Amino acid sequence: MAPGTDDAPGVQTDAVEEMIAEIARGLVDHPDAVRVVRRDDRGSVRLELHVAPEDRGQVIGRGGRSAHALRVLLRAAQPVVGAPVALDIVD
């Protein structure tokens, strides 16, 4: 387990969820529609990023660059969370 995760394991995941939500809010036209849902999936964490249907393309980005950048950030956060983290973008 990553340092500092044994005393409050959900806190680090909450911070990662909020980070993804804040970045997504900066990308979309309807920031109030952005929400992140956490799903625990067999030793890993799956985050579902929900956005307004018309904002989905903005979160994915040209050639998938924005979505890729979000996933790179999640890979960097894996030691903090203590488990692999995946991102699904849904509308």
N, C-alpha and C. Protein backbone atom coordinates (compact mmCIF):
# COMPACT_ATOMS: atom_id res chain seq x y z
N MET A 1 0.85 -1.18 0.00
CA MET A 1 0.00 0.00 0.00
C MET A 1 0.89 1.24 0.00
N ALA A 2 0.46 2.26 -0.64
CA ALA A 2 1.25 3.50 -0.77
C ALA A 2 1.35 4.20 0.58
N PRO A 3 2.43 4.97 0.79
CA PRO A 3 2.58 5.70 2.04
C PRO A 3 1.40 6.62 2.30
N GLY A 4 0.92 6.58 3.52
CA GLY A 4 -0.14 7.49 3.91
C GLY A 4 -1.53 7.00 3.57
N THR A 5 -1.65 5.81 2.96
CA THR A 5 -2.98 5.34 2.59
C THR A 5 -3.59 4.45 3.65
N ASP A 6 -2.81 4.01 4.65
CA ASP A 6 -3.36 3.09 5.62
C ASP A 6 -4.28 3.77 6.63
N ASP A 7 -4.17 5.07 6.84
CA ASP A 7 -5.02 5.73 7.82
C ASP A 7 -6.33 6.22 7.23
N ALA A 8 -6.44 6.50 5.95
CA ALA A 8 -7.68 6.95 5.34
C ALA A 8 -7.70 6.59 3.86
N PRO A 9 -7.96 5.30 3.53
CA PRO A 9 -7.84 4.86 2.14
C PRO A 9 -8.77 5.56 1.16
N GLY A 10 -9.95 5.99 1.57
CA GLY A 10 -10.87 6.63 0.64
C GLY A 10 -10.52 8.06 0.33
N VAL A 11 -9.73 8.70 1.20
CA VAL A 11 -9.42 10.12 1.03
C VAL A 11 -8.60 10.35 -0.24
N GLN A 12 -7.61 9.50 -0.49
CA GLN A 12 -6.78 9.68 -1.67
C GLN A 12 -7.59 9.48 -2.95
N THR A 13 -8.48 8.49 -2.95
CA THR A 13 -9.31 8.26 -4.12
C THR A 13 -10.26 9.43 -4.33
N ASP A 14 -10.80 9.97 -3.24
CA ASP A 14 -11.67 11.14 -3.35
C ASP A 14 -10.93 12.31 -3.99
N ALA A 15 -9.67 12.51 -3.61
CA ALA A 15 -8.88 13.60 -4.16
C ALA A 15 -8.63 13.38 -5.66
N VAL A 16 -8.39 12.15 -6.05
CA VAL A 16 -8.16 11.83 -7.46
C VAL A 16 -9.45 12.06 -8.25
N GLU A 17 -10.59 11.63 -7.69
CA GLU A 17 -11.88 11.85 -8.35
C GLU A 17 -12.13 13.35 -8.54
N GLU A 18 -11.86 14.12 -7.51
CA GLU A 18 -12.10 15.57 -7.59
C GLU A 18 -11.16 16.22 -8.60
N MET A 19 -9.92 15.74 -8.68
CA MET A 19 -8.97 16.27 -9.65
C MET A 19 -9.49 16.05 -11.07
N ILE A 20 -9.94 14.83 -11.36
CA ILE A 20 -10.47 14.53 -12.70
C ILE A 20 -11.70 15.38 -12.99
N ALA A 21 -12.58 15.53 -12.00
CA ALA A 21 -13.79 16.33 -12.20
C ALA A 21 -13.44 17.79 -12.47
N GLU A 22 -12.50 18.35 -11.73
CA GLU A 22 -12.11 19.75 -11.93
C GLU A 22 -11.50 19.97 -13.31
N ILE A 23 -10.65 19.07 -13.74
CA ILE A 23 -10.05 19.20 -15.07
C ILE A 23 -11.15 19.12 -16.14
N ALA A 24 -12.06 18.17 -15.99
CA ALA A 24 -13.15 18.01 -16.96
C ALA A 24 -14.03 19.25 -16.99
N ARG A 25 -14.30 19.84 -15.83
CA ARG A 25 -15.13 21.05 -15.79
C ARG A 25 -14.49 22.19 -16.59
N GLY A 26 -13.18 22.21 -16.62
CA GLY A 26 -12.48 23.23 -17.39
C GLY A 26 -12.52 22.99 -18.89
N LEU A 27 -12.85 21.79 -19.30
CA LEU A 27 -12.87 21.45 -20.72
C LEU A 27 -14.24 21.60 -21.37
N VAL A 28 -15.30 21.57 -20.57
CA VAL A 28 -16.65 21.45 -21.14
C VAL A 28 -17.43 22.76 -21.09
N ASP A 29 -18.53 22.80 -21.85
CA ASP A 29 -19.43 23.95 -21.85
C ASP A 29 -20.46 23.89 -20.73
N HIS A 30 -20.71 22.69 -20.20
CA HIS A 30 -21.70 22.48 -19.15
C HIS A 30 -21.03 21.86 -17.92
N PRO A 31 -20.26 22.66 -17.16
CA PRO A 31 -19.52 22.10 -16.03
C PRO A 31 -20.41 21.54 -14.92
N ASP A 32 -21.65 22.00 -14.82
CA ASP A 32 -22.55 21.49 -13.79
C ASP A 32 -22.96 20.04 -14.05
N ALA A 33 -22.82 19.59 -15.29
CA ALA A 33 -23.21 18.22 -15.64
C ALA A 33 -22.09 17.22 -15.38
N VAL A 34 -20.90 17.68 -15.01
CA VAL A 34 -19.76 16.79 -14.80
C VAL A 34 -19.89 16.10 -13.45
N ARG A 35 -19.73 14.77 -13.47
CA ARG A 35 -19.64 14.03 -12.21
C ARG A 35 -18.77 12.80 -12.43
N VAL A 36 -18.16 12.35 -11.35
CA VAL A 36 -17.29 11.19 -11.40
C VAL A 36 -17.86 10.14 -10.45
N VAL A 37 -18.03 8.93 -10.96
CA VAL A 37 -18.54 7.82 -10.16
C VAL A 37 -17.43 6.79 -10.03
N ARG A 38 -17.18 6.36 -8.80
CA ARG A 38 -16.13 5.36 -8.55
C ARG A 38 -16.75 3.98 -8.49
N ARG A 39 -16.10 3.04 -9.14
CA ARG A 39 -16.50 1.63 -9.11
C ARG A 39 -15.26 0.81 -8.72
N ASP A 40 -15.36 0.01 -7.69
CA ASP A 40 -14.28 -0.89 -7.33
C ASP A 40 -14.46 -2.16 -8.15
N ASP A 41 -13.38 -2.57 -8.80
CA ASP A 41 -13.47 -3.67 -9.77
C ASP A 41 -12.31 -4.63 -9.60
N ARG A 42 -12.48 -5.64 -8.75
CA ARG A 42 -11.48 -6.71 -8.57
C ARG A 42 -10.06 -6.21 -8.35
N GLY A 43 -9.86 -5.44 -7.31
CA GLY A 43 -8.53 -4.96 -6.98
C GLY A 43 -8.09 -3.72 -7.72
N SER A 44 -8.96 -3.17 -8.54
CA SER A 44 -8.65 -1.92 -9.23
C SER A 44 -9.81 -0.95 -9.02
N VAL A 45 -9.59 0.28 -9.42
CA VAL A 45 -10.60 1.31 -9.30
C VAL A 45 -10.95 1.79 -10.70
N ARG A 46 -12.23 1.86 -11.00
CA ARG A 46 -12.70 2.37 -12.28
C ARG A 46 -13.47 3.65 -12.01
N LEU A 47 -13.05 4.73 -12.65
CA LEU A 47 -13.74 5.99 -12.53
C LEU A 47 -14.53 6.23 -13.80
N GLU A 48 -15.82 6.52 -13.63
CA GLU A 48 -16.67 6.85 -14.77
C GLU A 48 -16.87 8.36 -14.78
N LEU A 49 -16.44 9.00 -15.83
CA LEU A 49 -16.60 10.44 -15.99
C LEU A 49 -17.85 10.69 -16.81
N HIS A 50 -18.86 11.27 -16.17
CA HIS A 50 -20.13 11.57 -16.82
C HIS A 50 -20.13 13.05 -17.20
N VAL A 51 -20.45 13.32 -18.45
CA VAL A 51 -20.55 14.69 -18.96
C VAL A 51 -21.81 14.79 -19.80
N ALA A 52 -22.22 16.01 -20.12
CA ALA A 52 -23.35 16.21 -21.02
C ALA A 52 -23.00 15.61 -22.38
N PRO A 53 -23.97 15.01 -23.06
CA PRO A 53 -23.68 14.37 -24.36
C PRO A 53 -22.96 15.29 -25.35
N GLU A 54 -23.34 16.56 -25.36
CA GLU A 54 -22.70 17.48 -26.32
C GLU A 54 -21.28 17.86 -25.90
N ASP A 55 -20.88 17.54 -24.68
CA ASP A 55 -19.52 17.84 -24.20
C ASP A 55 -18.56 16.66 -24.31
N ARG A 56 -19.08 15.52 -24.67
CA ARG A 56 -18.24 14.32 -24.70
C ARG A 56 -17.02 14.50 -25.61
N GLY A 57 -17.21 15.08 -26.77
CA GLY A 57 -16.11 15.29 -27.70
C GLY A 57 -15.04 16.21 -27.14
N GLN A 58 -15.45 17.19 -26.33
CA GLN A 58 -14.47 18.11 -25.74
C GLN A 58 -13.61 17.39 -24.70
N VAL A 59 -14.20 16.46 -23.97
CA VAL A 59 -13.43 15.72 -22.97
C VAL A 59 -12.50 14.72 -23.65
N ILE A 60 -12.96 14.14 -24.74
CA ILE A 60 -12.12 13.19 -25.46
C ILE A 60 -11.01 13.93 -26.19
N GLY A 61 -11.33 15.07 -26.79
CA GLY A 61 -10.32 15.88 -27.46
C GLY A 61 -10.00 15.40 -28.86
N ARG A 62 -9.29 16.25 -29.58
CA ARG A 62 -8.91 15.92 -30.96
C ARG A 62 -7.94 14.75 -30.94
N GLY A 63 -8.33 13.69 -31.61
CA GLY A 63 -7.48 12.50 -31.66
C GLY A 63 -7.38 11.79 -30.33
N GLY A 64 -8.27 12.09 -29.40
CA GLY A 64 -8.24 11.44 -28.09
C GLY A 64 -7.18 11.98 -27.15
N ARG A 65 -6.61 13.13 -27.47
CA ARG A 65 -5.50 13.66 -26.68
C ARG A 65 -5.89 14.04 -25.27
N SER A 66 -7.06 14.66 -25.10
CA SER A 66 -7.48 15.05 -23.74
C SER A 66 -7.76 13.81 -22.89
N ALA A 67 -8.45 12.83 -23.46
CA ALA A 67 -8.73 11.60 -22.74
C ALA A 67 -7.42 10.90 -22.37
N HIS A 68 -6.48 10.88 -23.29
CA HIS A 68 -5.19 10.26 -23.02
C HIS A 68 -4.47 10.98 -21.87
N ALA A 69 -4.51 12.30 -21.88
CA ALA A 69 -3.86 13.07 -20.83
C ALA A 69 -4.49 12.78 -19.46
N LEU A 70 -5.82 12.67 -19.41
CA LEU A 70 -6.49 12.33 -18.15
C LEU A 70 -6.05 10.95 -17.66
N ARG A 71 -5.91 10.01 -18.58
CA ARG A 71 -5.49 8.66 -18.19
C ARG A 71 -4.03 8.63 -17.74
N VAL A 72 -3.19 9.48 -18.33
CA VAL A 72 -1.80 9.58 -17.88
C VAL A 72 -1.76 10.08 -16.43
N LEU A 73 -2.57 11.08 -16.13
CA LEU A 73 -2.65 11.58 -14.75
C LEU A 73 -3.10 10.49 -13.79
N LEU A 74 -4.04 9.67 -14.21
CA LEU A 74 -4.51 8.59 -13.35
C LEU A 74 -3.43 7.54 -13.14
N ARG A 75 -2.65 7.26 -14.17
CA ARG A 75 -1.54 6.31 -13.99
C ARG A 75 -0.53 6.86 -12.97
N ALA A 76 -0.31 8.16 -13.01
CA ALA A 76 0.61 8.77 -12.04
C ALA A 76 0.04 8.71 -10.63
N ALA A 77 -1.28 8.67 -10.51
CA ALA A 77 -1.93 8.64 -9.19
C ALA A 77 -2.04 7.23 -8.62
N GLN A 78 -1.74 6.21 -9.39
CA GLN A 78 -1.90 4.84 -8.91
C GLN A 78 -1.16 4.55 -7.60
N PRO A 79 0.08 5.00 -7.41
CA PRO A 79 0.74 4.74 -6.13
C PRO A 79 0.02 5.39 -4.95
N VAL A 80 -0.62 6.52 -5.17
CA VAL A 80 -1.35 7.21 -4.11
C VAL A 80 -2.61 6.45 -3.76
N VAL A 81 -3.32 5.97 -4.78
CA VAL A 81 -4.56 5.24 -4.58
C VAL A 81 -4.28 3.84 -4.04
N GLY A 82 -3.17 3.26 -4.46
CA GLY A 82 -2.81 1.92 -4.02
C GLY A 82 -3.41 0.82 -4.89
N ALA A 83 -3.93 1.19 -6.05
CA ALA A 83 -4.52 0.22 -6.97
C ALA A 83 -4.53 0.84 -8.36
N PRO A 84 -4.59 -0.02 -9.39
CA PRO A 84 -4.72 0.51 -10.75
C PRO A 84 -6.01 1.31 -10.88
N VAL A 85 -5.95 2.42 -11.63
CA VAL A 85 -7.11 3.27 -11.82
C VAL A 85 -7.38 3.39 -13.32
N ALA A 86 -8.63 3.10 -13.71
CA ALA A 86 -9.05 3.21 -15.11
C ALA A 86 -10.08 4.31 -15.23
N LEU A 87 -10.19 4.89 -16.42
CA LEU A 87 -11.15 5.97 -16.66
C LEU A 87 -12.04 5.60 -17.85
N ASP A 88 -13.36 5.70 -17.63
CA ASP A 88 -14.33 5.55 -18.70
C ASP A 88 -15.04 6.89 -18.85
N ILE A 89 -15.20 7.35 -20.08
CA ILE A 89 -15.91 8.60 -20.34
C ILE A 89 -17.28 8.22 -20.89
N VAL A 90 -18.32 8.59 -20.16
CA VAL A 90 -19.69 8.25 -20.55
C VAL A 90 -20.52 9.52 -20.60
N ASP A 91 -21.65 9.46 -21.32
CA ASP A 91 -22.53 10.63 -21.35
C ASP A 91 -23.89 10.28 -20.77
